[in-house]
Amino acid sequence: MKRILIIAAVLLVGALVAFRLVNNKKVIDAKNKVVDTSGQRVAVNATTVQSRISEQNLNLVGTVIPNQQIEIKSEVQGKLLSLNVALGQFVKKGQVIARVDDKIRSIGVANAEQSLANAKQNLERYTNLYQGGAATQAQLQQYQLTYDNALNQLEQARKELSSTTITAPISGFITSKAVEAGAFANVGTSIVTIVDVSRLKVQLNVAERDVYALKVGDAVNITTSVYPGVQFRGEITFISPSGDDAHNYPIEISIRNEDKTPLKAGTYVNIAFNRKSQVATLQIPREALVGSTKDAQVYVVDANNLARLRKVTIGADNGDYLEVLNGLKEGEKVVTTGQINLTDSTQVAIIQ
């Protein structure tokens, strides 16, 4: 009997709590619901969708890349007699890096020089004969062609001989060696890679709404977690006149690499642009939003005073206002207060 009384008491308390919660919800809903004097329309506040200019700092993240990176390849075929650099070594422009066996090409130059000398002698003889009427113009033209070909062959032979000495086209650090001395190189065989990090670059894609606030020559502030508290100065050196299908525009920023705080290629950096974006965009008050910015909706009041629930795409967060990328047109009215009382196609009365 005592157990039954305890169970009955627990059930009674539970029922009283449930009754109180339901009653409180009805009171809260009644307070939130505002109806105009006609009793048929829900009173709401609404505002007109319009373009606004919002100043906002532009900050992006990028990765630094070398000012120049060149993979040096052999231009001739032959055995590598020497390879005079080591990984990490700094080389200057014009410094000899490697030598390919040049014996055959030295002989080729000598033969080409002899062929040119013979062609020149024949051309001079037939020129004199032609001037004396003892040779035809066709014969003279043939020996002229032979001379020109011999001259071209000599230039080619000298070029191949000079290519057996491989020099650095830029100053920089050796970051890779694909072969060693004694290896046989074909035309196009990779020898070494040189990287110039005296200056660095950052290549970024900037959205259309921001790129018009930038121009070549603008200074930017650059920071990285590698050197806390240190600021690097960069400069915009390129802005593409053509964007991609997503309306993003490639830009390039140049950075001078400081000796005290040297940066390595591949380092993440934060870029703060000094100019603020001032492009007019379609915006709505934050209070008009129904749901989150990732799954955003708003109530749009149509010509018949019906509140239509519509999905929109939100862009930049400008504080009290949100940029709208898709879903609304300028001049439409969106509900800013009273959404709690609305469902799709509810008839409303705009009180403000």
Protein backbone atom coordinates (compact mmCIF):
# COMPACT_ATOMS: atom_id res chain seq x y z
CA MET A 1 0.00 0.00 0.00
CA LYS A 2 2.79 2.40 0.88
CA ARG A 3 4.51 1.67 -2.44
CA ILE A 4 1.34 2.49 -4.36
CA LEU A 5 1.03 5.83 -2.58
CA ILE A 6 4.64 6.72 -3.44
CA ILE A 7 4.09 5.91 -7.13
CA ALA A 8 0.88 7.94 -7.16
CA ALA A 9 2.68 10.92 -5.59
CA VAL A 10 5.47 10.76 -8.17
CA LEU A 11 2.96 10.64 -11.04
CA LEU A 12 1.07 13.60 -9.58
CA VAL A 13 4.23 15.69 -9.29
CA GLY A 14 5.20 14.82 -12.86
CA ALA A 15 1.79 15.82 -14.13
CA LEU A 16 1.98 19.16 -12.32
CA VAL A 17 5.44 19.88 -13.79
CA ALA A 18 4.28 19.02 -17.31
CA PHE A 19 1.20 21.21 -16.91
CA ARG A 20 3.33 24.12 -15.73
CA LEU A 21 5.77 23.78 -18.69
CA VAL A 22 2.96 23.68 -21.24
CA ASN A 23 1.28 26.67 -19.63
CA ASN A 24 4.58 28.66 -19.61
CA LYS A 25 5.15 27.92 -23.32
CA LYS A 26 1.66 29.20 -24.15
CA VAL A 27 2.36 32.41 -22.22
CA ILE A 28 5.74 32.93 -24.00
CA ASP A 29 4.24 32.27 -27.43
CA ALA A 30 1.40 34.65 -26.68
CA LYS A 31 3.87 37.40 -25.78
CA ASN A 32 5.92 36.86 -28.94
CA LYS A 33 2.96 36.83 -31.24
CA VAL A 34 1.91 40.27 -32.37
CA VAL A 35 -1.26 40.57 -34.39
CA ASP A 36 -2.69 43.73 -35.85
CA THR A 37 -6.14 45.04 -34.90
CA SER A 38 -7.84 43.18 -37.73
CA GLY A 39 -6.80 39.86 -36.20
CA GLN A 40 -6.06 38.37 -39.65
CA ARG A 41 -2.52 39.49 -40.45
CA VAL A 42 0.69 39.02 -38.49
CA ALA A 43 2.36 42.36 -37.77
CA VAL A 44 6.02 42.44 -38.75
CA ASN A 45 8.83 44.87 -39.36
CA ALA A 46 10.46 44.77 -42.79
CA THR A 47 13.21 46.53 -44.68
CA THR A 48 14.09 47.00 -48.33
CA VAL A 49 17.01 45.03 -49.77
CA GLN A 50 19.62 47.45 -51.11
CA SER A 51 23.26 47.73 -52.10
CA ARG A 52 25.62 49.03 -49.45
CA ILE A 53 29.30 49.97 -49.34
CA SER A 54 31.08 48.36 -46.41
CA GLU A 55 34.70 48.97 -45.51
CA GLN A 56 36.40 45.78 -44.42
CA ASN A 57 40.01 44.78 -44.05
CA LEU A 58 41.21 42.19 -46.54
CA ASN A 59 43.34 39.43 -45.01
CA LEU A 60 44.43 36.31 -46.87
CA VAL A 61 46.73 33.35 -46.29
CA GLY A 62 49.32 32.20 -48.82
CA THR A 63 52.52 30.26 -49.33
CA VAL A 64 55.79 31.87 -50.38
CA ILE A 65 57.53 30.53 -53.48
CA PRO A 66 60.99 31.28 -54.89
CA ASN A 67 61.55 34.34 -57.04
CA GLN A 68 63.06 31.96 -59.61
CA GLN A 69 63.49 28.20 -59.74
CA ILE A 70 65.33 26.73 -62.72
CA GLU A 71 65.98 23.10 -63.52
CA ILE A 72 69.19 22.97 -65.53
CA LYS A 73 69.27 20.29 -68.23
CA SER A 74 72.00 19.10 -70.51
CA GLU A 75 71.79 20.50 -74.05
CA VAL A 76 74.23 17.95 -75.47
CA GLN A 77 74.86 14.23 -75.19
CA GLY A 78 77.96 12.86 -73.51
CA LYS A 79 79.75 11.79 -70.35
CA LEU A 80 79.80 14.23 -67.42
CA LEU A 81 83.47 14.85 -66.80
CA SER A 82 82.82 17.01 -63.72
CA LEU A 83 80.01 18.27 -61.51
CA ASN A 84 81.36 21.08 -59.36
CA VAL A 85 78.51 21.81 -56.92
CA ALA A 86 77.01 20.30 -53.77
CA LEU A 87 73.50 20.36 -52.36
CA GLY A 88 72.80 23.62 -50.54
CA GLN A 89 75.75 25.40 -52.16
CA PHE A 90 75.27 28.98 -53.30
CA VAL A 91 76.34 29.62 -56.88
CA LYS A 92 76.64 32.87 -58.81
CA LYS A 93 75.25 33.56 -62.25
CA GLY A 94 77.74 32.35 -64.89
CA GLN A 95 79.57 29.99 -62.52
CA VAL A 96 80.58 26.67 -64.10
CA ILE A 97 78.45 23.84 -62.71
CA ALA A 98 79.40 20.86 -64.87
CA ARG A 99 81.35 19.85 -67.96
CA VAL A 100 80.43 17.29 -70.61
CA ASP A 101 83.09 15.48 -72.66
CA ASP A 102 83.89 17.86 -75.55
CA LYS A 103 86.45 15.92 -77.63
CA ILE A 104 84.08 14.97 -80.44
CA ARG A 105 82.61 18.46 -80.59
CA SER A 106 86.06 20.07 -80.67
CA ILE A 107 86.83 17.91 -83.72
CA GLY A 108 83.47 18.92 -85.19
CA VAL A 109 84.38 22.60 -84.85
CA ALA A 110 87.74 22.04 -86.52
CA ASN A 111 86.10 20.19 -89.44
CA ALA A 112 83.48 22.91 -89.81
CA GLU A 113 86.15 25.59 -89.85
CA GLN A 114 88.00 23.73 -92.63
CA SER A 115 84.81 23.28 -94.64
CA LEU A 116 84.08 26.98 -94.32
CA ALA A 117 87.60 27.89 -95.47
CA ASN A 118 87.24 25.65 -98.56
CA ALA A 119 83.78 27.08 -99.34
CA LYS A 120 85.09 30.62 -98.99
CA GLN A 121 88.01 29.89 -101.37
CA ASN A 122 85.69 28.39 -104.00
CA LEU A 123 83.24 31.28 -103.68
CA GLU A 124 86.01 33.85 -104.19
CA ARG A 125 87.32 31.98 -107.26
CA TYR A 126 83.93 31.71 -108.91
CA THR A 127 83.14 35.32 -108.10
CA ASN A 128 86.22 36.34 -110.10
CA LEU A 129 85.28 33.94 -112.91
CA TYR A 130 81.74 35.29 -113.03
CA GLN A 131 82.98 38.88 -113.14
CA GLY A 132 85.26 37.85 -116.06
CA GLY A 133 82.43 36.13 -117.90
CA ALA A 134 83.92 32.62 -117.44
CA ALA A 135 81.21 31.32 -115.06
CA THR A 136 77.44 31.49 -115.01
CA GLN A 137 75.29 33.15 -112.37
CA ALA A 138 73.83 29.76 -111.46
CA GLN A 139 77.32 28.40 -110.68
CA LEU A 140 78.08 31.43 -108.53
CA GLN A 141 74.80 31.05 -106.63
CA GLN A 142 75.58 27.38 -105.97
CA TYR A 143 78.96 28.21 -104.41
CA GLN A 144 77.36 31.05 -102.41
CA LEU A 145 74.83 28.54 -101.02
CA THR A 146 77.65 26.13 -100.16
CA TYR A 147 79.46 28.90 -98.28
CA ASP A 148 76.32 29.91 -96.35
CA ASN A 149 75.69 26.30 -95.32
CA ALA A 150 79.30 25.91 -94.16
CA LEU A 151 78.97 29.08 -92.08
CA ASN A 152 75.79 27.80 -90.43
CA GLN A 153 77.37 24.42 -89.69
CA LEU A 154 80.33 26.13 -88.02
CA GLU A 155 78.00 28.21 -85.82
CA GLN A 156 76.09 25.08 -84.84
CA ALA A 157 79.30 23.19 -84.04
CA ARG A 158 80.57 26.05 -81.88
CA LYS A 159 77.21 26.22 -80.07
CA GLU A 160 77.35 22.50 -79.28
CA LEU A 161 80.94 22.85 -78.06
CA SER A 162 80.01 25.76 -75.77
CA SER A 163 77.07 23.74 -74.42
CA THR A 164 79.46 21.15 -73.01
CA THR A 165 80.26 23.72 -70.33
CA ILE A 166 77.14 24.07 -68.15
CA THR A 167 76.89 27.35 -66.22
CA ALA A 168 74.42 28.78 -63.72
CA PRO A 169 71.83 31.00 -65.46
CA ILE A 170 70.96 32.71 -62.15
CA SER A 171 72.44 33.16 -58.69
CA GLY A 172 70.92 30.90 -56.07
CA PHE A 173 71.13 27.71 -54.02
CA ILE A 174 71.46 24.19 -55.37
CA THR A 175 68.37 22.34 -54.13
CA SER A 176 68.69 19.10 -56.10
CA LYS A 177 71.27 17.05 -58.00
CA ALA A 178 69.85 14.49 -60.40
CA VAL A 179 73.20 13.00 -61.52
CA GLU A 180 76.81 12.68 -60.45
CA ALA A 181 80.12 13.12 -62.26
CA GLY A 182 80.84 10.18 -64.56
CA ALA A 183 77.22 9.65 -65.55
CA PHE A 184 76.15 9.73 -69.18
CA ALA A 185 73.86 12.63 -70.02
CA ASN A 186 71.40 12.73 -72.89
CA VAL A 187 69.89 15.89 -74.33
CA GLY A 188 67.33 16.99 -71.72
CA THR A 189 68.87 15.09 -68.80
CA SER A 190 68.31 17.03 -65.56
CA ILE A 191 71.57 18.07 -63.93
CA VAL A 192 70.72 20.35 -60.96
CA THR A 193 68.00 22.72 -59.78
CA ILE A 194 68.83 26.27 -58.68
CA VAL A 195 66.49 28.33 -56.50
CA ASP A 196 66.75 32.10 -56.06
CA VAL A 197 65.28 33.15 -52.71
CA SER A 198 66.79 36.64 -52.53
CA ARG A 199 63.21 37.67 -53.22
CA LEU A 200 60.12 35.60 -52.68
CA LYS A 201 56.67 35.65 -54.19
CA VAL A 202 53.17 34.86 -53.01
CA GLN A 203 50.56 33.95 -55.61
CA LEU A 204 46.93 34.31 -54.53
CA ASN A 205 43.43 34.30 -55.93
CA VAL A 206 41.36 37.32 -54.88
CA ALA A 207 37.57 37.48 -55.18
CA GLU A 208 36.03 39.92 -57.64
CA ARG A 209 34.44 41.99 -54.88
CA ASP A 210 37.90 42.65 -53.38
CA VAL A 211 40.25 42.81 -56.35
CA TYR A 212 38.94 46.17 -57.58
CA ALA A 213 40.19 47.79 -54.36
CA LEU A 214 43.77 46.72 -55.15
CA LYS A 215 46.34 48.03 -57.62
CA VAL A 216 49.87 47.17 -58.70
CA GLY A 217 52.40 48.85 -56.41
CA ASP A 218 50.25 48.66 -53.28
CA ALA A 219 52.21 47.75 -50.13
CA VAL A 220 51.06 44.82 -47.99
CA ASN A 221 52.03 43.67 -44.50
CA ILE A 222 53.11 40.06 -44.15
CA THR A 223 53.51 38.02 -40.97
CA THR A 224 54.25 34.39 -40.20
CA SER A 225 54.18 32.20 -37.11
CA VAL A 226 57.83 31.34 -37.82
CA TYR A 227 58.85 34.85 -36.67
CA PRO A 228 56.26 36.06 -34.14
CA GLY A 229 56.05 39.85 -33.98
CA VAL A 230 58.06 40.37 -37.19
CA GLN A 231 56.47 42.15 -40.14
CA PHE A 232 57.66 41.77 -43.71
CA ARG A 233 56.90 44.33 -46.38
CA GLY A 234 55.49 43.11 -49.64
CA GLU A 235 54.31 44.77 -52.82
CA ILE A 236 51.66 43.79 -55.35
CA THR A 237 53.49 43.25 -58.64
CA PHE A 238 50.75 41.67 -60.75
CA ILE A 239 46.96 41.64 -60.93
CA SER A 240 45.47 39.49 -63.66
CA PRO A 241 43.09 41.30 -66.02
CA SER A 242 41.16 38.04 -66.41
CA GLY A 243 39.39 36.00 -63.73
CA ASP A 244 38.38 32.34 -63.64
CA ASP A 245 34.89 30.84 -63.80
CA ALA A 246 34.43 31.51 -60.06
CA HIS A 247 35.29 35.23 -60.53
CA ASN A 248 38.63 34.92 -58.74
CA TYR A 249 41.61 36.93 -60.03
CA PRO A 250 45.24 35.77 -59.66
CA ILE A 251 47.59 38.31 -58.10
CA GLU A 252 51.27 38.17 -57.24
CA ILE A 253 53.09 39.76 -54.30
CA SER A 254 56.86 40.24 -54.12
CA ILE A 255 58.76 40.06 -50.80
CA ARG A 256 62.37 40.98 -50.14
CA ASN A 257 64.01 38.20 -48.12
CA GLU A 258 65.76 39.74 -45.12
CA ASP A 259 69.08 38.33 -43.89
CA LYS A 260 68.10 38.66 -40.20
CA THR A 261 64.80 36.82 -40.62
CA PRO A 262 65.19 34.70 -43.77
CA LEU A 263 62.13 32.92 -45.11
CA LYS A 264 62.22 29.57 -46.86
CA ALA A 265 60.09 28.79 -49.89
CA GLY A 266 56.95 26.92 -48.85
CA THR A 267 56.37 28.90 -45.62
CA TYR A 268 52.78 29.88 -44.78
CA VAL A 269 52.27 33.63 -44.41
CA ASN A 270 49.41 35.94 -43.46
CA ILE A 271 48.87 38.89 -45.79
CA ALA A 272 47.11 42.07 -44.66
CA PHE A 273 46.24 44.44 -47.48
CA ASN A 274 46.37 48.11 -46.51
CA ARG A 275 43.48 49.05 -48.76
CA LYS A 276 39.93 48.36 -47.61
CA SER A 277 37.32 46.88 -49.89
CA GLN A 278 34.70 49.53 -50.76
CA VAL A 279 32.70 47.69 -53.40
CA ALA A 280 28.91 48.03 -53.16
CA THR A 281 27.21 44.67 -52.54
CA LEU A 282 23.64 43.54 -51.90
CA GLN A 283 23.13 43.33 -48.13
CA ILE A 284 20.44 42.61 -45.55
CA PRO A 285 20.29 43.30 -41.80
CA ARG A 286 21.52 40.41 -39.70
CA GLU A 287 18.15 40.18 -37.92
CA ALA A 288 16.44 39.28 -41.19
CA LEU A 289 18.26 35.97 -41.26
CA VAL A 290 16.34 32.78 -40.48
CA GLY A 291 18.67 29.91 -39.60
CA SER A 292 22.46 29.91 -39.86
CA THR A 293 24.62 31.65 -42.46
CA LYS A 294 25.43 28.25 -43.98
CA ASP A 295 21.76 27.34 -44.41
CA ALA A 296 20.29 30.82 -44.62
CA GLN A 297 16.66 31.74 -45.31
CA VAL A 298 14.65 34.95 -45.16
CA TYR A 299 10.98 35.88 -45.36
CA VAL A 300 10.31 38.01 -48.43
CA VAL A 301 7.09 40.05 -48.50
CA ASP A 302 5.49 39.92 -51.95
CA ALA A 303 3.03 42.31 -53.60
CA ASN A 304 0.10 40.54 -51.91
CA ASN A 305 1.62 41.00 -48.45
CA LEU A 306 2.42 37.30 -48.18
CA ALA A 307 5.65 36.34 -46.40
CA ARG A 308 7.44 33.84 -48.64
CA LEU A 309 10.25 31.80 -47.09
CA ARG A 310 13.23 31.88 -49.47
CA LYS A 311 16.68 30.31 -49.37
CA VAL A 312 19.60 32.73 -49.85
CA THR A 313 23.39 32.47 -50.08
CA ILE A 314 25.32 34.58 -47.60
CA GLY A 315 28.75 36.00 -48.42
CA ALA A 316 30.82 38.37 -46.28
CA ASP A 317 29.89 39.14 -42.68
CA ASN A 318 29.96 42.92 -42.31
CA GLY A 319 28.84 43.12 -38.70
CA ASP A 320 25.22 44.34 -38.57
CA TYR A 321 24.77 43.52 -42.24
CA LEU A 322 25.29 40.35 -44.26
CA GLU A 323 26.24 40.21 -47.92
CA VAL A 324 23.77 38.27 -50.10
CA LEU A 325 25.28 36.46 -53.07
CA ASN A 326 22.16 34.75 -54.40
CA GLY A 327 18.43 34.59 -53.69
CA LEU A 328 17.42 38.25 -53.46
CA LYS A 329 17.07 41.27 -55.71
CA GLU A 330 17.49 44.91 -54.87
CA GLY A 331 14.20 46.53 -53.88
CA GLU A 332 12.58 43.42 -52.39
CA LYS A 333 11.33 43.59 -48.77
CA VAL A 334 12.53 41.16 -46.12
CA VAL A 335 11.06 40.65 -42.65
CA THR A 336 13.37 41.77 -39.83
CA THR A 337 11.18 41.06 -36.74
CA GLY A 338 8.24 38.77 -36.15
CA GLN A 339 9.62 35.73 -37.99
CA ILE A 340 8.74 33.49 -35.03
CA ASN A 341 5.06 33.89 -35.90
CA LEU A 342 5.49 33.17 -39.60
CA THR A 343 5.27 30.17 -41.85
CA ASP A 344 5.60 30.16 -45.59
CA SER A 345 2.84 32.26 -47.27
CA THR A 346 1.60 33.85 -44.04
CA GLN A 347 -0.28 37.09 -44.65
CA VAL A 348 1.46 40.00 -42.92
CA ALA A 349 0.97 43.65 -42.10
CA ILE A 350 4.15 45.75 -42.21
CA ILE A 351 4.11 48.13 -39.28
CA GLN A 352 7.55 49.62 -39.96
